Amino acid sequence: MSAFLNLIALISLITSIVFFVKGFKNKPKFKKAALFFCATWVLWFVSAMIDPEPTKVNGKQEDKQEAKQETETKKEEKAKQEEAKKQQEAEEKKKQEEAKKQQEVEEKEKQEEAKKQQEVEEKEKQEEAKKQQEVEEKKKQEEAKKQQEVEEKQKEKEKEKEEETQKEQEAEQAKDSGLNEVQAQEKAEQLKLAQGQGARNKDVKLSQLGVQTIKDGIQYTTPVQDIHIEAKDSLTRIVAIMPVGTTKEQAKEVGDSLARQVASFGTMGLYVDLHSPSKDYLGEYWENFSGDIGIFDSNEKQLARGYIDKLNPTKIKW
């Protein structure tokens, strides 16, 4: 379009020049020349407005299509670069997300594996501790069993020693009372025979009511801290615990008082008629049982140990 306008403007310019040359002699032609000259400048102005770039008069103008194509090519290249950049960024972002997910999965697997490993170790520790505890308990039970067997054997030995001591004591007390061994044996046989024929003291035994009565009474009259009284077979054992600092004589007095209390109240509730203790007699109860009396302090120190002979229950032999 601009080329066409330029061509018309060129023709108008030539025409205006011709009319200018001739117009010096002919006034109307001069006006036409001025008109064509003005038209030429108007056409060039319009052409310049349409295409501001300078054009060649001979019609060979710069190839705008190539420039436009180059511009479009640059735009396309730029668009491709931007698209490639976006694609690259998207791929990098995708790779980062995949790597992050993969890392999270691996960390989760590691945590689960560590958790399982920890659970297995804890379970093994618990089982090991349980086995160790069972072994220790079994060992303790075996040791306790052995200790119990040793204590039982020791008790049996002590019992045998006590019986031997009692026999020796009975023999000595029989001698002290003016009886020889033959007379002591005869007296024992007579006592057994009398009991077998319905003697009045054949059902003598220790009652719980009597033991409790003795414990309650003796603690009001003496500083005894604890008492244990037990009758088994033909032997009655009395054990008393005294405060630290108790003398031997005080311990003997408590032992004598306990022996007389047992003779007085030991059969309470059983309705057995027995002779009571007196000054030189410990009571009829002790004609049915031998006595073993031990007095200790609270530190388990023995203060006094005495025996009662049922064949001669007149006093305690300390």
Protein backbone atom coordinates (compact mmCIF):
# COMPACT_ATOMS: atom_id res chain seq x y z
CA MET A 1 0.00 0.00 0.00
CA SER A 2 2.77 2.41 0.91
CA ALA A 3 4.62 1.55 -2.33
CA PHE A 4 1.53 2.38 -4.37
CA LEU A 5 1.09 5.69 -2.56
CA ASN A 6 4.76 6.48 -3.09
CA LEU A 7 4.39 5.81 -6.81
CA ILE A 8 1.38 8.13 -7.06
CA ALA A 9 3.24 10.75 -5.02
CA LEU A 10 6.21 10.48 -7.43
CA ILE A 11 3.94 10.98 -10.43
CA SER A 12 2.29 13.92 -8.67
CA LEU A 13 5.70 15.43 -7.98
CA ILE A 14 6.77 15.17 -11.63
CA THR A 15 3.46 16.66 -12.73
CA SER A 16 3.81 19.54 -10.27
CA ILE A 17 7.34 20.26 -11.58
CA VAL A 18 6.06 20.32 -15.16
CA PHE A 19 3.23 22.63 -14.21
CA PHE A 20 5.64 24.82 -12.22
CA VAL A 21 7.86 25.22 -15.30
CA LYS A 22 4.92 26.08 -17.49
CA GLY A 23 3.17 28.07 -14.79
CA PHE A 24 5.51 31.02 -15.03
CA LYS A 25 3.73 31.98 -18.25
CA ASN A 26 0.34 30.47 -17.51
CA LYS A 27 -1.16 31.23 -14.16
CA PRO A 28 -3.75 28.39 -14.07
CA LYS A 29 -1.03 25.85 -14.72
CA PHE A 30 0.94 27.31 -11.82
CA LYS A 31 -2.04 26.67 -9.55
CA LYS A 32 -2.25 23.08 -10.82
CA ALA A 33 1.45 22.64 -10.12
CA ALA A 34 0.97 23.91 -6.59
CA LEU A 35 -2.01 21.59 -6.16
CA PHE A 36 -0.06 18.52 -7.39
CA PHE A 37 2.88 19.51 -5.18
CA CYS A 38 0.62 19.64 -2.14
CA ALA A 39 -0.95 16.32 -3.14
CA THR A 40 2.53 14.83 -3.39
CA TRP A 41 3.37 15.85 0.18
CA VAL A 42 0.00 14.59 1.45
CA LEU A 43 0.56 11.20 -0.22
CA TRP A 44 4.06 10.97 1.24
CA PHE A 45 2.72 11.87 4.68
CA VAL A 46 0.02 9.20 4.45
CA SER A 47 2.60 6.72 3.21
CA ALA A 48 4.88 7.65 6.09
CA MET A 49 2.03 7.14 8.54
CA ILE A 50 1.28 3.71 7.07
CA ASP A 51 4.94 2.66 6.90
CA PRO A 52 7.23 4.89 8.93
CA GLU A 53 10.36 3.18 7.57
CA PRO A 54 11.99 4.87 4.57
CA THR A 55 11.28 3.32 1.20
CA LYS A 56 13.23 3.36 -2.00
CA VAL A 57 11.89 5.35 -4.81
CA ASN A 58 12.65 2.64 -7.38
CA GLY A 59 10.15 0.28 -5.58
CA LYS A 60 12.80 -1.94 -4.03
CA GLN A 61 11.89 -1.68 -0.34
CA GLU A 62 13.26 -3.68 2.50
CA ASP A 63 11.63 -7.07 2.88
CA LYS A 64 9.34 -6.49 5.80
CA GLN A 65 8.03 -10.00 5.63
CA GLU A 66 11.51 -11.37 6.30
CA ALA A 67 11.86 -9.00 9.24
CA LYS A 68 8.45 -9.96 10.41
CA GLN A 69 9.29 -13.61 9.89
CA GLU A 70 12.53 -13.11 11.78
CA THR A 71 10.64 -11.39 14.58
CA GLU A 72 8.11 -14.18 14.65
CA THR A 73 10.96 -16.70 14.56
CA LYS A 74 12.59 -14.96 17.49
CA LYS A 75 9.29 -14.92 19.30
CA GLU A 76 8.80 -18.60 18.55
CA GLU A 77 12.35 -19.35 19.70
CA LYS A 78 11.78 -17.31 22.82
CA ALA A 79 8.46 -19.07 23.37
CA LYS A 80 10.19 -22.42 22.78
CA GLN A 81 12.95 -21.44 25.19
CA GLU A 82 10.40 -20.39 27.79
CA GLU A 83 8.42 -23.57 27.19
CA ALA A 84 11.61 -25.62 27.39
CA LYS A 85 12.54 -23.76 30.55
CA LYS A 86 9.10 -24.39 32.01
CA GLN A 87 9.33 -28.03 30.92
CA GLN A 88 12.76 -28.29 32.52
CA GLU A 89 11.52 -26.64 35.70
CA ALA A 90 8.50 -28.95 35.74
CA GLU A 91 10.74 -31.98 35.20
CA GLU A 92 13.14 -30.80 37.92
CA LYS A 93 10.22 -30.16 40.27
CA LYS A 94 8.80 -33.57 39.42
CA LYS A 95 12.20 -35.17 40.01
CA GLN A 96 12.54 -33.33 43.33
CA GLU A 97 9.06 -34.44 44.39
CA GLU A 98 9.80 -38.02 43.34
CA ALA A 99 13.14 -37.89 45.16
CA LYS A 100 11.40 -36.44 48.22
CA LYS A 101 8.73 -39.15 48.10
CA GLN A 102 11.40 -41.80 47.64
CA GLN A 103 13.33 -40.36 50.58
CA GLU A 104 10.18 -40.32 52.72
CA VAL A 105 9.44 -43.92 51.76
CA GLU A 106 13.01 -44.97 52.58
CA GLU A 107 12.92 -43.09 55.90
CA LYS A 108 9.57 -44.66 56.74
CA GLU A 109 10.93 -48.12 55.88
CA LYS A 110 14.02 -47.42 57.99
CA GLN A 111 11.86 -46.26 60.91
CA GLU A 112 9.62 -49.33 60.64
CA GLU A 113 12.65 -51.59 60.40
CA ALA A 114 14.26 -49.87 63.39
CA LYS A 115 10.97 -50.15 65.30
CA LYS A 116 10.71 -53.86 64.50
CA GLN A 117 14.34 -54.35 65.48
CA GLN A 118 13.73 -52.51 68.75
CA GLU A 119 10.62 -54.61 69.44
CA VAL A 120 12.58 -57.79 68.74
CA GLU A 121 15.41 -56.65 71.04
CA GLU A 122 12.95 -55.67 73.79
CA LYS A 123 11.18 -59.01 73.44
CA GLU A 124 14.50 -60.85 73.63
CA LYS A 125 15.48 -58.79 76.69
CA GLN A 126 12.14 -59.53 78.36
CA GLU A 127 12.46 -63.25 77.60
CA GLU A 128 16.04 -63.24 78.83
CA ALA A 129 15.04 -61.35 81.99
CA LYS A 130 12.14 -63.77 82.49
CA LYS A 131 14.45 -66.77 82.09
CA GLN A 132 16.98 -65.15 84.43
CA GLN A 133 14.22 -64.49 86.96
CA GLU A 134 12.98 -68.08 86.66
CA VAL A 135 16.53 -69.36 87.14
CA GLU A 136 17.02 -67.09 90.17
CA GLU A 137 13.66 -68.11 91.64
CA LYS A 138 14.44 -71.77 91.06
CA LYS A 139 17.85 -71.25 92.63
CA LYS A 140 16.27 -69.44 95.59
CA GLN A 141 13.71 -72.22 96.00
CA GLU A 142 16.44 -74.84 95.91
CA GLU A 143 18.52 -72.84 98.40
CA ALA A 144 15.47 -72.36 100.62
CA LYS A 145 14.71 -76.07 100.36
CA LYS A 146 18.30 -76.94 101.24
CA GLN A 147 18.23 -74.41 104.08
CA GLN A 148 14.97 -75.89 105.32
CA GLU A 149 16.43 -79.39 105.18
CA VAL A 150 19.51 -78.18 107.05
CA GLU A 151 17.32 -76.47 109.65
CA GLU A 152 15.18 -79.57 110.02
CA LYS A 153 18.28 -81.71 110.47
CA GLN A 154 19.60 -79.16 112.95
CA LYS A 155 16.30 -79.23 114.83
CA GLU A 156 16.39 -83.02 114.89
CA LYS A 157 19.93 -82.90 116.25
CA GLU A 158 18.93 -80.31 118.83
CA LYS A 159 15.93 -82.41 119.78
CA GLU A 160 18.13 -85.46 120.19
CA LYS A 161 20.54 -83.42 122.29
CA GLU A 162 17.69 -82.06 124.39
CA GLU A 163 16.33 -85.56 124.93
CA GLU A 164 19.77 -86.78 125.92
CA THR A 165 20.23 -83.77 128.18
CA GLN A 166 16.78 -84.33 129.65
CA LYS A 167 17.54 -87.96 130.32
CA GLU A 168 20.81 -87.02 131.97
CA GLN A 169 19.04 -84.34 133.97
CA GLU A 170 16.31 -86.70 135.06
CA ALA A 171 18.92 -89.16 136.16
CA GLU A 172 20.83 -86.46 138.06
CA GLN A 173 17.66 -85.10 139.67
CA ALA A 174 16.67 -88.61 140.65
CA LYS A 175 20.04 -89.01 142.32
CA ASP A 176 19.69 -85.59 144.01
CA SER A 177 16.34 -86.54 145.49
CA GLY A 178 17.90 -89.56 147.15
CA LEU A 179 16.68 -92.09 144.62
CA ASN A 180 19.06 -94.40 142.83
CA GLU A 181 18.57 -95.39 139.20
CA VAL A 182 16.60 -98.50 140.10
CA GLN A 183 14.23 -96.54 142.32
CA ALA A 184 13.78 -93.84 139.63
CA GLN A 185 12.91 -96.48 137.07
CA GLU A 186 10.46 -98.10 139.45
CA LYS A 187 8.80 -94.73 140.12
CA ALA A 188 8.47 -94.06 136.38
CA GLU A 189 6.93 -97.48 135.82
CA GLN A 190 4.54 -96.91 138.69
CA LEU A 191 3.52 -93.54 137.19
CA LYS A 192 2.90 -95.12 133.77
CA LEU A 193 0.93 -97.93 135.39
CA ALA A 194 -1.14 -95.44 137.36
CA GLN A 195 -1.92 -93.44 134.23
CA GLY A 196 -2.92 -96.59 132.38
CA GLN A 197 -5.29 -97.55 135.18
CA GLY A 198 -7.25 -94.27 134.92
CA ALA A 199 -5.16 -91.87 136.92
CA ARG A 200 -6.68 -88.46 137.43
CA ASN A 201 -3.98 -86.68 135.37
CA LYS A 202 -3.96 -88.88 132.26
CA ASP A 203 -5.76 -86.26 130.05
CA VAL A 204 -3.57 -83.31 130.99
CA LYS A 205 -2.70 -81.07 128.04
CA LEU A 206 -2.08 -77.40 127.27
CA SER A 207 -5.04 -75.28 126.12
CA GLN A 208 -4.97 -72.16 123.93
CA LEU A 209 -7.12 -70.33 126.45
CA GLY A 210 -4.64 -71.17 129.19
CA VAL A 211 -1.68 -70.02 127.10
CA GLN A 212 -3.36 -66.69 126.30
CA THR A 213 -4.29 -66.19 129.96
CA ILE A 214 -0.68 -66.80 130.98
CA LYS A 215 0.60 -64.31 128.37
CA ASP A 216 -1.85 -61.64 129.46
CA GLY A 217 -1.13 -62.14 133.16
CA ILE A 218 2.67 -62.38 133.07
CA GLN A 219 3.05 -59.16 131.05
CA TYR A 220 1.32 -57.19 133.81
CA THR A 221 3.62 -58.54 136.54
CA THR A 222 6.98 -58.78 134.72
CA PRO A 223 8.78 -56.82 131.96
CA VAL A 224 8.44 -59.74 129.52
CA GLN A 225 8.31 -58.58 125.88
CA ASP A 226 7.20 -61.83 124.28
CA ILE A 227 6.36 -65.41 125.35
CA HIS A 228 6.13 -68.68 123.49
CA ILE A 229 4.66 -71.79 125.18
CA GLU A 230 4.35 -75.11 123.39
CA ALA A 231 3.52 -78.64 124.61
CA LYS A 232 4.50 -81.53 122.37
CA ASP A 233 4.61 -85.19 123.29
CA SER A 234 5.86 -85.23 126.89
CA LEU A 235 7.79 -81.95 126.76
CA THR A 236 6.60 -78.39 127.39
CA ARG A 237 8.83 -75.61 126.06
CA ILE A 238 8.72 -72.08 127.42
CA VAL A 239 10.61 -69.22 125.74
CA ALA A 240 10.54 -65.65 127.08
CA ILE A 241 12.08 -62.48 125.62
CA MET A 242 13.27 -59.87 128.13
CA PRO A 243 14.59 -56.31 127.69
CA VAL A 244 18.32 -55.80 127.21
CA GLY A 245 20.00 -55.37 130.58
CA THR A 246 17.96 -58.02 132.42
CA THR A 247 20.16 -59.90 134.91
CA LYS A 248 20.48 -63.66 135.16
CA GLU A 249 18.71 -63.72 138.54
CA GLN A 250 15.79 -61.71 137.17
CA ALA A 251 15.58 -64.11 134.23
CA LYS A 252 15.45 -67.09 136.61
CA GLU A 253 12.68 -65.45 138.64
CA VAL A 254 10.64 -64.91 135.45
CA GLY A 255 11.25 -68.55 134.43
CA ASP A 256 10.06 -69.83 137.83
CA SER A 257 6.98 -67.58 137.65
CA LEU A 258 6.18 -68.84 134.13
CA ALA A 259 6.48 -72.49 135.20
CA ARG A 260 4.03 -71.91 138.07
CA GLN A 261 1.67 -69.94 135.79
CA VAL A 262 1.63 -72.85 133.33
CA ALA A 263 0.84 -75.28 136.17
CA SER A 264 -1.97 -73.00 137.42
CA PHE A 265 -3.62 -71.87 134.14
CA GLY A 266 -2.20 -74.07 131.37
CA THR A 267 -5.21 -76.42 131.32
CA MET A 268 -7.85 -73.68 131.63
CA GLY A 269 -11.07 -74.64 129.89
CA LEU A 270 -10.31 -78.38 129.87
CA TYR A 271 -11.85 -78.99 133.33
CA VAL A 272 -8.88 -80.98 134.62
CA ASP A 273 -8.43 -81.04 138.41
CA LEU A 274 -4.73 -80.58 139.21
CA HIS A 275 -2.83 -79.75 142.37
CA SER A 276 -1.67 -76.13 142.41
CA PRO A 277 1.97 -75.05 142.85
CA SER A 278 3.33 -74.41 146.34
CA LYS A 279 6.59 -73.16 147.81
CA ASP A 280 8.55 -76.40 147.16
CA TYR A 281 6.32 -77.83 144.44
CA LEU A 282 5.88 -76.60 140.83
CA GLY A 283 2.43 -78.16 140.42
CA GLU A 284 0.85 -81.41 139.26
CA TYR A 285 1.00 -80.30 135.62
CA TRP A 286 4.75 -80.92 135.67
CA GLU A 287 4.22 -84.53 136.74
CA ASN A 288 2.88 -85.09 133.22
CA PHE A 289 5.39 -83.00 131.25
CA SER A 290 9.09 -82.37 131.43
CA GLY A 291 9.98 -78.72 131.05
CA ASP A 292 12.50 -76.81 128.94
CA ILE A 293 12.70 -73.10 129.84
CA GLY A 294 14.80 -70.55 127.94
CA ILE A 295 15.06 -66.86 128.83
CA PHE A 296 16.62 -64.51 126.23
CA ASP A 297 17.00 -60.77 125.78
CA SER A 298 15.84 -58.85 122.70
CA ASN A 299 19.31 -59.30 121.14
CA GLU A 300 18.80 -63.09 121.29
CA LYS A 301 21.35 -63.44 124.05
CA GLN A 302 20.58 -66.35 126.39
CA LEU A 303 20.13 -65.16 129.96
CA ALA A 304 19.10 -68.44 131.61
CA ARG A 305 18.26 -72.02 130.62
CA GLY A 306 16.48 -74.48 132.91
CA TYR A 307 14.86 -77.93 132.96
CA ILE A 308 12.00 -79.49 134.94
CA ASP A 309 12.02 -83.21 135.71
CA LYS A 310 8.48 -84.63 135.71
CA LEU A 311 9.64 -87.32 138.15
CA ASN A 312 10.60 -84.66 140.68
CA PRO A 313 8.88 -81.33 139.83
CA THR A 314 10.01 -79.49 142.94
CA LYS A 315 12.22 -76.88 141.30
CA ILE A 316 13.81 -75.80 138.05
CA LYS A 317 17.36 -76.94 137.51
CA TRP A 318 19.24 -74.01 135.92
